[in-house]
Amino acid sequence: MARKYDSLFNFHSEIKIMPKRAASYSSYWLYSIRLSNRMKAYNFIKYLNKNGIESRLFWRSLSIQNAYSNYPKLLNGVSKKLSDTVVSLPSSSCLTLKQLNLVINAIKKWNSYKV
């Protein structure tokens, strides 16, 4: 699954795959991509959801979560940018090849989709 996603996004100007370390191996229990900006990420999620494909922003920065509102912060903008642009795609171990191809084909169509 990850290889199929990687080959789809490898040369895409608006979508970047997550960096990989040469000396490590990922289980890909989660497959996430980074879009070029917040609006593109939200439009991408909206487009996939309209096509029956669940996707969501990867995480919310701890610095904006209520549980941590009273704690000191050292902000440089990186976590905010990532929380606005990283999107998680379907990657379940139960995902069938047919379902994966449905996701991939929808993403290929999004490449030319205009909001």
N, C-alpha and C. Protein backbone atom coordinates (compact mmCIF):
# COMPACT_ATOMS: atom_id res chain seq x y z
N MET A 1 0.82 -1.18 0.00
CA MET A 1 0.00 0.00 0.00
C MET A 1 0.87 1.26 0.00
N ALA A 2 1.84 1.31 0.89
CA ALA A 2 2.70 2.50 0.97
C ALA A 2 3.45 2.73 -0.33
N ARG A 3 3.91 1.66 -0.96
CA ARG A 3 4.63 1.81 -2.23
C ARG A 3 3.72 2.39 -3.31
N LYS A 4 2.45 1.95 -3.32
CA LYS A 4 1.51 2.50 -4.31
C LYS A 4 1.27 3.98 -4.05
N TYR A 5 1.05 4.35 -2.78
CA TYR A 5 0.89 5.76 -2.44
C TYR A 5 2.15 6.54 -2.80
N ASP A 6 3.32 6.01 -2.42
CA ASP A 6 4.58 6.71 -2.70
C ASP A 6 4.74 6.98 -4.19
N SER A 7 4.47 5.98 -5.02
CA SER A 7 4.65 6.18 -6.46
C SER A 7 3.66 7.21 -7.01
N LEU A 8 2.50 7.31 -6.40
CA LEU A 8 1.52 8.30 -6.82
C LEU A 8 1.99 9.72 -6.48
N PHE A 9 2.60 9.89 -5.32
CA PHE A 9 2.95 11.23 -4.83
C PHE A 9 4.40 11.62 -5.07
N ASN A 10 5.25 10.72 -5.49
CA ASN A 10 6.68 10.99 -5.59
C ASN A 10 7.04 12.25 -6.36
N PHE A 11 6.34 12.54 -7.43
CA PHE A 11 6.70 13.69 -8.25
C PHE A 11 5.59 14.72 -8.31
N HIS A 12 4.75 14.74 -7.30
CA HIS A 12 3.62 15.67 -7.27
C HIS A 12 4.07 16.99 -6.64
N SER A 13 3.80 18.08 -7.29
CA SER A 13 4.27 19.38 -6.80
C SER A 13 3.49 19.89 -5.58
N GLU A 14 2.24 19.49 -5.42
CA GLU A 14 1.41 19.98 -4.32
C GLU A 14 1.41 19.05 -3.11
N ILE A 15 1.85 17.81 -3.30
CA ILE A 15 1.78 16.80 -2.24
C ILE A 15 3.17 16.21 -2.02
N LYS A 16 3.58 16.17 -0.76
CA LYS A 16 4.88 15.59 -0.41
C LYS A 16 4.66 14.39 0.50
N ILE A 17 5.43 13.33 0.24
CA ILE A 17 5.36 12.17 1.13
C ILE A 17 6.23 12.46 2.35
N MET A 18 5.94 11.77 3.44
CA MET A 18 6.70 11.97 4.67
C MET A 18 8.13 11.44 4.46
N PRO A 19 9.10 12.14 5.03
CA PRO A 19 10.50 11.70 4.85
C PRO A 19 10.72 10.33 5.49
N LYS A 20 11.62 9.58 4.91
CA LYS A 20 11.96 8.26 5.42
C LYS A 20 13.44 8.23 5.77
N ARG A 21 13.76 7.52 6.83
CA ARG A 21 15.16 7.37 7.23
C ARG A 21 15.70 6.08 6.63
N ALA A 22 16.89 6.15 6.11
CA ALA A 22 17.50 5.00 5.44
C ALA A 22 17.69 3.81 6.38
N ALA A 23 17.99 4.07 7.63
CA ALA A 23 18.29 2.98 8.57
C ALA A 23 17.07 2.52 9.36
N SER A 24 15.88 2.83 8.87
CA SER A 24 14.68 2.41 9.61
C SER A 24 13.64 1.83 8.65
N TYR A 25 12.63 1.20 9.24
CA TYR A 25 11.56 0.60 8.47
C TYR A 25 10.23 0.97 9.12
N SER A 26 9.29 1.44 8.34
CA SER A 26 7.99 1.85 8.88
C SER A 26 6.97 0.73 8.73
N SER A 27 6.11 0.61 9.72
CA SER A 27 5.01 -0.37 9.63
C SER A 27 3.84 0.21 8.83
N TYR A 28 3.86 1.52 8.59
CA TYR A 28 2.82 2.23 7.87
C TYR A 28 1.43 1.99 8.45
N TRP A 29 1.36 1.91 9.78
CA TRP A 29 0.04 1.80 10.40
C TRP A 29 -0.75 3.07 10.13
N LEU A 30 -0.02 4.10 9.72
CA LEU A 30 -0.64 5.36 9.34
C LEU A 30 0.14 5.89 8.15
N TYR A 31 -0.57 6.31 7.11
CA TYR A 31 0.11 6.88 5.94
C TYR A 31 -0.37 8.31 5.80
N SER A 32 0.56 9.24 5.92
CA SER A 32 0.22 10.66 5.85
C SER A 32 1.05 11.35 4.78
N ILE A 33 0.48 12.42 4.25
CA ILE A 33 1.13 13.24 3.24
C ILE A 33 1.05 14.70 3.69
N ARG A 34 1.91 15.53 3.13
CA ARG A 34 1.87 16.96 3.46
C ARG A 34 1.53 17.74 2.20
N LEU A 35 0.48 18.55 2.30
CA LEU A 35 0.10 19.39 1.17
C LEU A 35 0.77 20.75 1.30
N SER A 36 0.80 21.50 0.22
CA SER A 36 1.58 22.73 0.18
C SER A 36 1.04 23.84 1.08
N ASN A 37 -0.27 23.84 1.37
CA ASN A 37 -0.81 24.86 2.27
C ASN A 37 -2.12 24.38 2.89
N ARG A 38 -2.59 25.15 3.86
CA ARG A 38 -3.78 24.78 4.63
C ARG A 38 -5.02 24.63 3.75
N MET A 39 -5.24 25.55 2.85
CA MET A 39 -6.43 25.52 2.01
C MET A 39 -6.45 24.28 1.12
N LYS A 40 -5.30 23.95 0.56
CA LYS A 40 -5.22 22.74 -0.27
C LYS A 40 -5.51 21.49 0.56
N ALA A 41 -5.00 21.46 1.79
CA ALA A 41 -5.24 20.30 2.66
C ALA A 41 -6.74 20.16 2.96
N TYR A 42 -7.39 21.27 3.31
CA TYR A 42 -8.82 21.22 3.62
C TYR A 42 -9.64 20.86 2.38
N ASN A 43 -9.29 21.40 1.23
CA ASN A 43 -10.00 21.07 -0.01
C ASN A 43 -9.78 19.60 -0.39
N PHE A 44 -8.58 19.10 -0.17
CA PHE A 44 -8.27 17.70 -0.46
C PHE A 44 -9.13 16.78 0.41
N ILE A 45 -9.19 17.07 1.70
CA ILE A 45 -10.00 16.27 2.63
C ILE A 45 -11.47 16.34 2.23
N LYS A 46 -11.95 17.53 1.93
CA LYS A 46 -13.34 17.71 1.52
C LYS A 46 -13.64 16.91 0.26
N TYR A 47 -12.75 16.97 -0.71
CA TYR A 47 -12.92 16.23 -1.96
C TYR A 47 -12.98 14.72 -1.70
N LEU A 48 -12.04 14.20 -0.91
CA LEU A 48 -12.04 12.76 -0.63
C LEU A 48 -13.30 12.35 0.12
N ASN A 49 -13.69 13.13 1.12
CA ASN A 49 -14.90 12.81 1.88
C ASN A 49 -16.14 12.80 0.99
N LYS A 50 -16.22 13.75 0.05
CA LYS A 50 -17.34 13.77 -0.90
C LYS A 50 -17.38 12.52 -1.76
N ASN A 51 -16.22 11.89 -1.94
CA ASN A 51 -16.11 10.67 -2.72
C ASN A 51 -16.14 9.41 -1.85
N GLY A 52 -16.59 9.57 -0.61
CA GLY A 52 -16.74 8.43 0.29
C GLY A 52 -15.45 7.88 0.85
N ILE A 53 -14.40 8.69 0.84
CA ILE A 53 -13.09 8.26 1.32
C ILE A 53 -12.75 9.07 2.57
N GLU A 54 -12.62 8.37 3.68
CA GLU A 54 -12.32 9.07 4.93
C GLU A 54 -10.86 9.50 4.96
N SER A 55 -10.66 10.73 5.30
CA SER A 55 -9.32 11.28 5.50
C SER A 55 -9.46 12.40 6.51
N ARG A 56 -8.37 12.75 7.13
CA ARG A 56 -8.43 13.83 8.12
C ARG A 56 -7.05 14.42 8.35
N LEU A 57 -7.07 15.59 8.97
CA LEU A 57 -5.79 16.17 9.36
C LEU A 57 -5.13 15.23 10.36
N PHE A 58 -3.84 15.12 10.28
CA PHE A 58 -3.08 14.16 11.07
C PHE A 58 -3.23 14.38 12.57
N TRP A 59 -3.00 15.59 13.05
CA TRP A 59 -3.08 15.88 14.47
C TRP A 59 -3.18 17.38 14.68
N ARG A 60 -3.61 17.72 15.88
CA ARG A 60 -3.65 19.13 16.28
C ARG A 60 -2.44 19.40 17.16
N SER A 61 -1.82 20.49 16.94
CA SER A 61 -0.67 20.88 17.73
C SER A 61 -1.02 20.91 19.22
N LEU A 62 -0.15 20.38 20.06
CA LEU A 62 -0.40 20.38 21.50
C LEU A 62 -0.59 21.80 22.03
N SER A 63 0.11 22.75 21.46
CA SER A 63 0.05 24.12 21.96
C SER A 63 -1.32 24.76 21.81
N ILE A 64 -2.20 24.21 20.96
CA ILE A 64 -3.54 24.78 20.82
C ILE A 64 -4.62 23.93 21.49
N GLN A 65 -4.22 22.83 22.12
CA GLN A 65 -5.19 21.98 22.80
C GLN A 65 -5.46 22.51 24.21
N ASN A 66 -6.73 22.49 24.61
CA ASN A 66 -7.14 23.03 25.90
C ASN A 66 -6.38 22.42 27.07
N ALA A 67 -6.08 21.15 27.03
CA ALA A 67 -5.40 20.48 28.14
C ALA A 67 -4.03 21.09 28.43
N TYR A 68 -3.45 21.75 27.46
CA TYR A 68 -2.11 22.31 27.62
C TYR A 68 -2.10 23.84 27.60
N SER A 69 -3.26 24.45 27.70
CA SER A 69 -3.35 25.91 27.56
C SER A 69 -2.63 26.69 28.66
N ASN A 70 -2.47 26.11 29.84
CA ASN A 70 -1.83 26.83 30.95
C ASN A 70 -0.35 26.52 31.11
N TYR A 71 0.21 25.79 30.17
CA TYR A 71 1.62 25.42 30.26
C TYR A 71 2.47 26.32 29.37
N PRO A 72 3.75 26.49 29.75
CA PRO A 72 4.63 27.32 28.92
C PRO A 72 4.76 26.75 27.51
N LYS A 73 4.96 27.64 26.57
CA LYS A 73 5.08 27.24 25.17
C LYS A 73 6.34 27.86 24.57
N LEU A 74 6.94 27.14 23.68
CA LEU A 74 8.04 27.66 22.88
C LEU A 74 7.63 27.42 21.43
N LEU A 75 7.08 28.46 20.82
CA LEU A 75 6.48 28.32 19.49
C LEU A 75 7.40 28.86 18.40
N ASN A 76 7.54 28.09 17.34
CA ASN A 76 8.29 28.55 16.18
C ASN A 76 7.49 28.40 14.89
N GLY A 77 6.25 27.92 15.00
CA GLY A 77 5.37 27.81 13.85
C GLY A 77 5.37 26.47 13.14
N VAL A 78 6.33 25.61 13.43
CA VAL A 78 6.43 24.33 12.73
C VAL A 78 5.24 23.44 13.03
N SER A 79 4.90 23.27 14.32
CA SER A 79 3.79 22.37 14.65
C SER A 79 2.47 22.89 14.10
N LYS A 80 2.28 24.20 14.09
CA LYS A 80 1.05 24.78 13.53
C LYS A 80 0.97 24.49 12.03
N LYS A 81 2.07 24.70 11.32
CA LYS A 81 2.07 24.44 9.88
C LYS A 81 1.79 22.97 9.58
N LEU A 82 2.43 22.08 10.33
CA LEU A 82 2.21 20.65 10.10
C LEU A 82 0.78 20.24 10.44
N SER A 83 0.24 20.78 11.52
CA SER A 83 -1.13 20.40 11.90
C SER A 83 -2.16 20.92 10.91
N ASP A 84 -1.79 21.90 10.11
CA ASP A 84 -2.71 22.43 9.09
C ASP A 84 -2.52 21.81 7.71
N THR A 85 -1.44 21.07 7.50
CA THR A 85 -1.15 20.61 6.14
C THR A 85 -0.92 19.10 5.99
N VAL A 86 -0.78 18.37 7.10
CA VAL A 86 -0.55 16.93 7.02
C VAL A 86 -1.88 16.20 7.08
N VAL A 87 -2.13 15.36 6.08
CA VAL A 87 -3.39 14.63 5.95
C VAL A 87 -3.11 13.13 6.00
N SER A 88 -3.91 12.42 6.79
CA SER A 88 -3.81 10.96 6.86
C SER A 88 -4.77 10.32 5.88
N LEU A 89 -4.28 9.34 5.16
CA LEU A 89 -5.06 8.62 4.15
C LEU A 89 -5.44 7.23 4.67
N PRO A 90 -6.44 6.60 4.05
CA PRO A 90 -6.80 5.24 4.46
C PRO A 90 -5.58 4.31 4.37
N SER A 91 -5.33 3.58 5.45
CA SER A 91 -4.16 2.69 5.45
C SER A 91 -4.37 1.47 6.34
N SER A 92 -5.58 1.08 6.55
CA SER A 92 -5.89 -0.06 7.40
C SER A 92 -5.31 -1.35 6.84
N SER A 93 -4.96 -2.25 7.74
CA SER A 93 -4.50 -3.57 7.29
C SER A 93 -5.64 -4.35 6.63
N CYS A 94 -6.87 -3.90 6.82
CA CYS A 94 -8.04 -4.53 6.20
C CYS A 94 -8.39 -3.90 4.85
N LEU A 95 -7.66 -2.88 4.45
CA LEU A 95 -7.93 -2.21 3.18
C LEU A 95 -7.65 -3.18 2.03
N THR A 96 -8.65 -3.41 1.20
CA THR A 96 -8.46 -4.33 0.07
C THR A 96 -7.77 -3.60 -1.08
N LEU A 97 -7.26 -4.35 -2.02
CA LEU A 97 -6.64 -3.76 -3.20
C LEU A 97 -7.66 -2.94 -3.98
N LYS A 98 -8.88 -3.41 -4.05
CA LYS A 98 -9.95 -2.68 -4.73
C LYS A 98 -10.19 -1.33 -4.05
N GLN A 99 -10.24 -1.32 -2.72
CA GLN A 99 -10.45 -0.08 -1.99
C GLN A 99 -9.26 0.87 -2.16
N LEU A 100 -8.06 0.32 -2.11
CA LEU A 100 -6.86 1.14 -2.31
C LEU A 100 -6.86 1.78 -3.69
N ASN A 101 -7.22 1.02 -4.70
CA ASN A 101 -7.29 1.56 -6.06
C ASN A 101 -8.37 2.62 -6.18
N LEU A 102 -9.47 2.48 -5.44
CA LEU A 102 -10.52 3.50 -5.42
C LEU A 102 -9.95 4.82 -4.88
N VAL A 103 -9.19 4.72 -3.80
CA VAL A 103 -8.57 5.91 -3.20
C VAL A 103 -7.58 6.52 -4.19
N ILE A 104 -6.73 5.72 -4.77
CA ILE A 104 -5.71 6.20 -5.71
C ILE A 104 -6.35 6.86 -6.92
N ASN A 105 -7.39 6.25 -7.47
CA ASN A 105 -8.06 6.84 -8.64
C ASN A 105 -8.73 8.16 -8.29
N ALA A 106 -9.31 8.26 -7.10
CA ALA A 106 -9.92 9.52 -6.68
C ALA A 106 -8.85 10.60 -6.54
N ILE A 107 -7.70 10.24 -5.99
CA ILE A 107 -6.61 11.21 -5.83
C ILE A 107 -6.09 11.66 -7.19
N LYS A 108 -5.98 10.74 -8.13
CA LYS A 108 -5.55 11.11 -9.48
C LYS A 108 -6.51 12.12 -10.10
N LYS A 109 -7.80 11.94 -9.85
CA LYS A 109 -8.79 12.89 -10.38
C LYS A 109 -8.69 14.23 -9.66
N TRP A 110 -8.34 14.21 -8.38
CA TRP A 110 -8.20 15.46 -7.62
C TRP A 110 -7.07 16.31 -8.20
N ASN A 111 -6.07 15.67 -8.77
CA ASN A 111 -4.96 16.42 -9.35
C ASN A 111 -5.44 17.50 -10.30
N SER A 112 -6.55 17.26 -10.98
CA SER A 112 -7.09 18.25 -11.91
C SER A 112 -8.38 18.88 -11.39
N TYR A 113 -8.76 18.53 -10.15
CA TYR A 113 -10.00 19.02 -9.55
C TYR A 113 -9.84 20.49 -9.16
N LYS A 114 -10.80 21.29 -9.51
CA LYS A 114 -10.77 22.72 -9.16
C LYS A 114 -11.89 23.01 -8.17
N VAL A 115 -11.55 23.71 -7.10
CA VAL A 115 -12.55 24.05 -6.07
C VAL A 115 -13.15 25.40 -6.39
